[in-house]
PDB file of all heavy atoms in Angstrom:
ATOM      1  N   GLY A   1     129.523  66.284  80.729  1.00  0.00           N
ATOM      2  CA  GLY A   1     130.064  64.938  80.871  1.00  0.00           C
ATOM      3  C   GLY A   1     131.550  64.849  80.625  1.00  0.00           C
ATOM      4  O   GLY A   1     132.039  63.880  80.039  1.00  0.00           O
ATOM      5  N   GLN A   2     132.295  65.859  81.082  1.00  0.00           N
ATOM      6  CA  GLN A   2     133.728  65.900  80.832  1.00  0.00           C
ATOM      7  C   GLN A   2     134.556  65.517  82.047  1.00  0.00           C
ATOM      8  O   GLN A   2     135.710  65.892  82.158  1.00  0.00           O
ATOM      9  CB  GLN A   2     134.119  67.313  80.362  1.00  0.00           C
ATOM     10  CG  GLN A   2     133.477  67.716  79.057  1.00  0.00           C
ATOM     11  CD  GLN A   2     133.850  69.129  78.647  1.00  0.00           C
ATOM     12  OE1 GLN A   2     134.504  69.852  79.396  1.00  0.00           O
ATOM     13  NE2 GLN A   2     133.458  69.528  77.447  1.00  0.00           N
ATOM     14  N   THR A   3     133.969  64.755  82.984  1.00  0.00           N
ATOM     15  CA  THR A   3     134.720  64.379  84.180  1.00  0.00           C
ATOM     16  C   THR A   3     135.196  62.942  84.135  1.00  0.00           C
ATOM     17  O   THR A   3     135.836  62.487  85.068  1.00  0.00           O
ATOM     18  CB  THR A   3     133.841  64.570  85.440  1.00  0.00           C
ATOM     19  OG1 THR A   3     132.710  63.685  85.345  1.00  0.00           O
ATOM     20  CG2 THR A   3     133.369  65.990  85.556  1.00  0.00           C
ATOM     21  N   GLY A   4     134.898  62.211  83.080  1.00  0.00           N
ATOM     22  CA  GLY A   4     135.255  60.800  83.038  1.00  0.00           C
ATOM     23  C   GLY A   4     136.400  60.483  82.111  1.00  0.00           C
ATOM     24  O   GLY A   4     136.461  59.401  81.512  1.00  0.00           O
ATOM     25  N   LYS A   5     137.333  61.430  81.926  1.00  0.00           N
ATOM     26  CA  LYS A   5     138.460  61.197  81.039  1.00  0.00           C
ATOM     27  C   LYS A   5     139.411  60.144  81.602  1.00  0.00           C
ATOM     28  O   LYS A   5     140.210  59.576  80.877  1.00  0.00           O
ATOM     29  CB  LYS A   5     139.201  62.506  80.788  1.00  0.00           C
ATOM     30  CG  LYS A   5     138.368  63.543  80.032  1.00  0.00           C
ATOM     31  CD  LYS A   5     139.147  64.822  79.819  1.00  0.00           C
ATOM     32  CE  LYS A   5     138.313  65.847  79.058  1.00  0.00           C
ATOM     33  NZ  LYS A   5     139.052  67.127  78.863  1.00  0.00           N
ATOM     34  N   ALA A   6     139.358  59.914  82.896  1.00  0.00           N
ATOM     35  CA  ALA A   6     140.180  58.888  83.539  1.00  0.00           C
ATOM     36  C   ALA A   6     139.394  58.290  84.688  1.00  0.00           C
ATOM     37  O   ALA A   6     138.430  58.888  85.186  1.00  0.00           O
ATOM     38  CB  ALA A   6     141.501  59.475  84.030  1.00  0.00           C
ATOM     39  N   THR A   7     139.792  57.102  85.108  1.00  0.00           N
ATOM     40  CA  THR A   7     139.085  56.373  86.161  1.00  0.00           C
ATOM     41  C   THR A   7     140.098  55.663  87.054  1.00  0.00           C
ATOM     42  O   THR A   7     141.062  55.077  86.543  1.00  0.00           O
ATOM     43  CB  THR A   7     138.126  55.331  85.555  1.00  0.00           C
ATOM     44  OG1 THR A   7     137.234  55.982  84.644  1.00  0.00           O
ATOM     45  CG2 THR A   7     137.311  54.653  86.636  1.00  0.00           C
ATOM     46  N   LEU A   8     139.874  55.727  88.357  1.00  0.00           N
ATOM     47  CA  LEU A   8     140.728  54.998  89.291  1.00  0.00           C
ATOM     48  C   LEU A   8     140.192  53.577  89.432  1.00  0.00           C
ATOM     49  O   LEU A   8     139.068  53.369  89.889  1.00  0.00           O
ATOM     50  CB  LEU A   8     140.755  55.687  90.653  1.00  0.00           C
ATOM     51  CG  LEU A   8     141.752  55.092  91.652  1.00  0.00           C
ATOM     52  CD1 LEU A   8     143.190  55.376  91.214  1.00  0.00           C
ATOM     53  CD2 LEU A   8     141.513  55.630  93.060  1.00  0.00           C
ATOM     54  N   HIS A   9     140.992  52.604  89.043  1.00  0.00           N
ATOM     55  CA  HIS A   9     140.590  51.207  89.079  1.00  0.00           C
ATOM     56  C   HIS A   9     141.108  50.539  90.351  1.00  0.00           C
ATOM     57  O   HIS A   9     142.268  50.740  90.735  1.00  0.00           O
ATOM     58  CB  HIS A   9     141.133  50.466  87.852  1.00  0.00           C
ATOM     59  CG  HIS A   9     140.417  50.805  86.581  1.00  0.00           C
ATOM     60  ND1 HIS A   9     139.613  49.912  85.903  1.00  0.00           N
ATOM     61  CD2 HIS A   9     140.379  51.961  85.868  1.00  0.00           C
ATOM     62  CE1 HIS A   9     139.120  50.490  84.824  1.00  0.00           C
ATOM     63  NE2 HIS A   9     139.569  51.744  84.780  1.00  0.00           N
ATOM     64  N   LEU A  10     140.230  49.741  90.976  1.00  0.00           N
ATOM     65  CA  LEU A  10     140.596  48.994  92.178  1.00  0.00           C
ATOM     66  C   LEU A  10     140.706  47.508  91.870  1.00  0.00           C
ATOM     67  O   LEU A  10     140.221  47.025  90.843  1.00  0.00           O
ATOM     68  CB  LEU A  10     139.559  49.219  93.285  1.00  0.00           C
ATOM     69  CG  LEU A  10     139.258  50.666  93.682  1.00  0.00           C
ATOM     70  CD1 LEU A  10     138.327  50.696  94.888  1.00  0.00           C
ATOM     71  CD2 LEU A  10     140.533  51.451  93.965  1.00  0.00           C
ATOM     72  N   THR A  11     141.335  46.784  92.783  1.00  0.00           N
ATOM     73  CA  THR A  11     141.461  45.334  92.651  1.00  0.00           C
ATOM     74  C   THR A  11     140.251  44.604  93.223  1.00  0.00           C
ATOM     75  O   THR A  11     140.112  43.393  93.027  1.00  0.00           O
ATOM     76  CB  THR A  11     142.721  44.845  93.382  1.00  0.00           C
ATOM     77  OG1 THR A  11     142.580  45.144  94.793  1.00  0.00           O
ATOM     78  CG2 THR A  11     143.974  45.532  92.856  1.00  0.00           C
ATOM     79  N   LEU A  12     139.386  45.312  93.934  1.00  0.00           N
ATOM     80  CA  LEU A  12     138.247  44.701  94.609  1.00  0.00           C
ATOM     81  C   LEU A  12     137.181  44.263  93.608  1.00  0.00           C
ATOM     82  O   LEU A  12     137.025  44.858  92.541  1.00  0.00           O
ATOM     83  CB  LEU A  12     137.636  45.685  95.606  1.00  0.00           C
ATOM     84  CG  LEU A  12     138.582  46.159  96.720  1.00  0.00           C
ATOM     85  CD1 LEU A  12     137.986  47.338  97.466  1.00  0.00           C
ATOM     86  CD2 LEU A  12     138.883  45.011  97.692  1.00  0.00           C
ATOM     87  N   ASP A  13     136.442  43.234  93.990  1.00  0.00           N
ATOM     88  CA  ASP A  13     135.382  42.662  93.147  1.00  0.00           C
ATOM     89  C   ASP A  13     134.046  42.834  93.870  1.00  0.00           C
ATOM     90  O   ASP A  13     133.844  42.263  94.942  1.00  0.00           O
ATOM     91  CB  ASP A  13     135.667  41.184  92.891  1.00  0.00           C
ATOM     92  CG  ASP A  13     134.736  40.579  91.849  1.00  0.00           C
ATOM     93  OD1 ASP A  13     133.534  40.898  91.871  1.00  0.00           O
ATOM     94  OD2 ASP A  13     135.207  39.765  91.032  1.00  0.00           O
ATOM     95  N   SER A  14     133.143  43.630  93.268  1.00  0.00           N
ATOM     96  CA  SER A  14     131.857  43.909  93.921  1.00  0.00           C
ATOM     97  C   SER A  14     131.063  42.639  94.188  1.00  0.00           C
ATOM     98  O   SER A  14     130.365  42.540  95.213  1.00  0.00           O
ATOM     99  CB  SER A  14     131.021  44.861  93.058  1.00  0.00           C
ATOM    100  OG  SER A  14     131.629  46.115  92.933  1.00  0.00           O
ATOM    101  N   ARG A  15     131.154  41.675  93.302  1.00  0.00           N
ATOM    102  CA  ARG A  15     130.392  40.436  93.474  1.00  0.00           C
ATOM    103  C   ARG A  15     130.855  39.680  94.716  1.00  0.00           C
ATOM    104  O   ARG A  15     130.027  39.261  95.552  1.00  0.00           O
ATOM    105  CB  ARG A  15     130.538  39.560  92.230  1.00  0.00           C
ATOM    106  CG  ARG A  15     130.087  40.224  90.930  1.00  0.00           C
ATOM    107  CD  ARG A  15     130.548  39.446  89.725  1.00  0.00           C
ATOM    108  NE  ARG A  15     132.013  39.343  89.664  1.00  0.00           N
ATOM    109  CZ  ARG A  15     132.679  38.645  88.745  1.00  0.00           C
ATOM    110  NH1 ARG A  15     132.008  37.981  87.798  1.00  0.00           N
ATOM    111  NH2 ARG A  15     134.002  38.600  88.759  1.00  0.00           N
ATOM    112  N   LEU A  16     132.147  39.520  94.853  1.00  0.00           N
ATOM    113  CA  LEU A  16     132.681  38.815  96.021  1.00  0.00           C
ATOM    114  C   LEU A  16     132.514  39.641  97.287  1.00  0.00           C
ATOM    115  O   LEU A  16     132.245  39.093  98.374  1.00  0.00           O
ATOM    116  CB  LEU A  16     134.152  38.486  95.784  1.00  0.00           C
ATOM    117  CG  LEU A  16     134.792  37.511  96.775  1.00  0.00           C
ATOM    118  CD1 LEU A  16     134.127  36.146  96.684  1.00  0.00           C
ATOM    119  CD2 LEU A  16     136.289  37.393  96.520  1.00  0.00           C
ATOM    120  N   GLN A  17     132.666  40.946  97.143  1.00  0.00           N
ATOM    121  CA  GLN A  17     132.496  41.840  98.289  1.00  0.00           C
ATOM    122  C   GLN A  17     131.084  41.729  98.860  1.00  0.00           C
ATOM    123  O   GLN A  17     130.901  41.697 100.090  1.00  0.00           O
ATOM    124  CB  GLN A  17     132.771  43.284  97.878  1.00  0.00           C
ATOM    125  CG  GLN A  17     132.596  44.316  98.982  1.00  0.00           C
ATOM    126  CD  GLN A  17     133.796  44.436  99.885  1.00  0.00           C
ATOM    127  OE1 GLN A  17     134.808  43.783  99.670  1.00  0.00           O
ATOM    128  NE2 GLN A  17     133.698  45.269 100.900  1.00  0.00           N
ATOM    129  N   ARG A  18     130.090  41.636  97.989  1.00  0.00           N
ATOM    130  CA  ARG A  18     128.714  41.545  98.473  1.00  0.00           C
ATOM    131  C   ARG A  18     128.467  40.227  99.192  1.00  0.00           C
ATOM    132  O   ARG A  18     127.779  40.184 100.218  1.00  0.00           O
ATOM    133  CB  ARG A  18     127.735  41.718  97.314  1.00  0.00           C
ATOM    134  CG  ARG A  18     126.295  41.947  97.753  1.00  0.00           C
ATOM    135  CD  ARG A  18     125.422  42.370  96.589  1.00  0.00           C
ATOM    136  NE  ARG A  18     125.876  43.615  95.983  1.00  0.00           N
ATOM    137  CZ  ARG A  18     125.621  44.811  96.491  1.00  0.00           C
ATOM    138  NH1 ARG A  18     124.927  44.928  97.619  1.00  0.00           N
ATOM    139  NH2 ARG A  18     126.054  45.906  95.858  1.00  0.00           N
ATOM    140  N   VAL A  19     129.017  39.144  98.658  1.00  0.00           N
ATOM    141  CA  VAL A  19     128.887  37.847  99.334  1.00  0.00           C
ATOM    142  C   VAL A  19     129.510  37.918 100.729  1.00  0.00           C
ATOM    143  O   VAL A  19     128.919  37.469 101.724  1.00  0.00           O
ATOM    144  CB  VAL A  19     129.551  36.735  98.496  1.00  0.00           C
ATOM    145  CG1 VAL A  19     129.611  35.430  99.287  1.00  0.00           C
ATOM    146  CG2 VAL A  19     128.802  36.524  97.191  1.00  0.00           C
ATOM    147  N   ALA A  20     130.719  38.491 100.798  1.00  0.00           N
ATOM    148  CA  ALA A  20     131.417  38.580 102.077  1.00  0.00           C
ATOM    149  C   ALA A  20     130.677  39.482 103.063  1.00  0.00           C
ATOM    150  O   ALA A  20     130.535  39.150 104.251  1.00  0.00           O
ATOM    151  CB  ALA A  20     132.837  39.087 101.851  1.00  0.00           C
ATOM    152  N   GLN A  21     130.195  40.633 102.579  1.00  0.00           N
ATOM    153  CA  GLN A  21     129.513  41.581 103.467  1.00  0.00           C
ATOM    154  C   GLN A  21     128.221  40.990 104.021  1.00  0.00           C
ATOM    155  O   GLN A  21     127.934  41.110 105.225  1.00  0.00           O
ATOM    156  CB  GLN A  21     129.222  42.879 102.722  1.00  0.00           C
ATOM    157  CG  GLN A  21     128.723  44.018 103.599  1.00  0.00           C
ATOM    158  CD  GLN A  21     129.797  44.563 104.517  1.00  0.00           C
ATOM    159  OE1 GLN A  21     130.945  44.694 104.119  1.00  0.00           O
ATOM    160  NE2 GLN A  21     129.437  44.879 105.743  1.00  0.00           N
ATOM    161  N   ASN A  22     127.446  40.354 103.171  1.00  0.00           N
ATOM    162  CA  ASN A  22     126.187  39.763 103.625  1.00  0.00           C
ATOM    163  C   ASN A  22     126.425  38.645 104.638  1.00  0.00           C
ATOM    164  O   ASN A  22     125.730  38.546 105.664  1.00  0.00           O
ATOM    165  CB  ASN A  22     125.387  39.234 102.436  1.00  0.00           C
ATOM    166  CG  ASN A  22     124.847  40.354 101.559  1.00  0.00           C
ATOM    167  OD1 ASN A  22     124.760  41.495 101.986  1.00  0.00           O
ATOM    168  ND2 ASN A  22     124.489  40.024 100.327  1.00  0.00           N
ATOM    169  N   ALA A  23     127.406  37.782 104.343  1.00  0.00           N
ATOM    170  CA  ALA A  23     127.697  36.682 105.266  1.00  0.00           C
ATOM    171  C   ALA A  23     128.192  37.216 106.607  1.00  0.00           C
ATOM    172  O   ALA A  23     127.810  36.714 107.677  1.00  0.00           O
ATOM    173  CB  ALA A  23     128.732  35.747 104.640  1.00  0.00           C
ATOM    174  N   LEU A  24     129.050  38.238 106.552  1.00  0.00           N
ATOM    175  CA  LEU A  24     129.599  38.813 107.778  1.00  0.00           C
ATOM    176  C   LEU A  24     128.503  39.447 108.626  1.00  0.00           C
ATOM    177  O   LEU A  24     128.428  39.211 109.855  1.00  0.00           O
ATOM    178  CB  LEU A  24     130.661  39.853 107.430  1.00  0.00           C
ATOM    179  CG  LEU A  24     131.296  40.610 108.599  1.00  0.00           C
ATOM    180  CD1 LEU A  24     132.023  39.661 109.525  1.00  0.00           C
ATOM    181  CD2 LEU A  24     132.244  41.690 108.080  1.00  0.00           C
ATOM    182  N   GLU A  25     127.643  40.233 108.007  1.00  0.00           N
ATOM    183  CA  GLU A  25     126.589  40.901 108.777  1.00  0.00           C
ATOM    184  C   GLU A  25     125.605  39.894 109.364  1.00  0.00           C
ATOM    185  O   GLU A  25     125.112  40.098 110.478  1.00  0.00           O
ATOM    186  CB  GLU A  25     125.872  41.917 107.892  1.00  0.00           C
ATOM    187  CG  GLU A  25     126.744  43.113 107.528  1.00  0.00           C
ATOM    188  CD  GLU A  25     126.040  44.125 106.654  1.00  0.00           C
ATOM    189  OE1 GLU A  25     124.874  43.869 106.262  1.00  0.00           O
ATOM    190  OE2 GLU A  25     126.632  45.188 106.361  1.00  0.00           O
TER     191      GLU A  25
END
């Protein structure tokens, strides 16, 4: 478990992304 010393953080929000993806599809 030594691969999580750092994490790339994004500005995206999974909650809003799911709403948008479902509505779009």
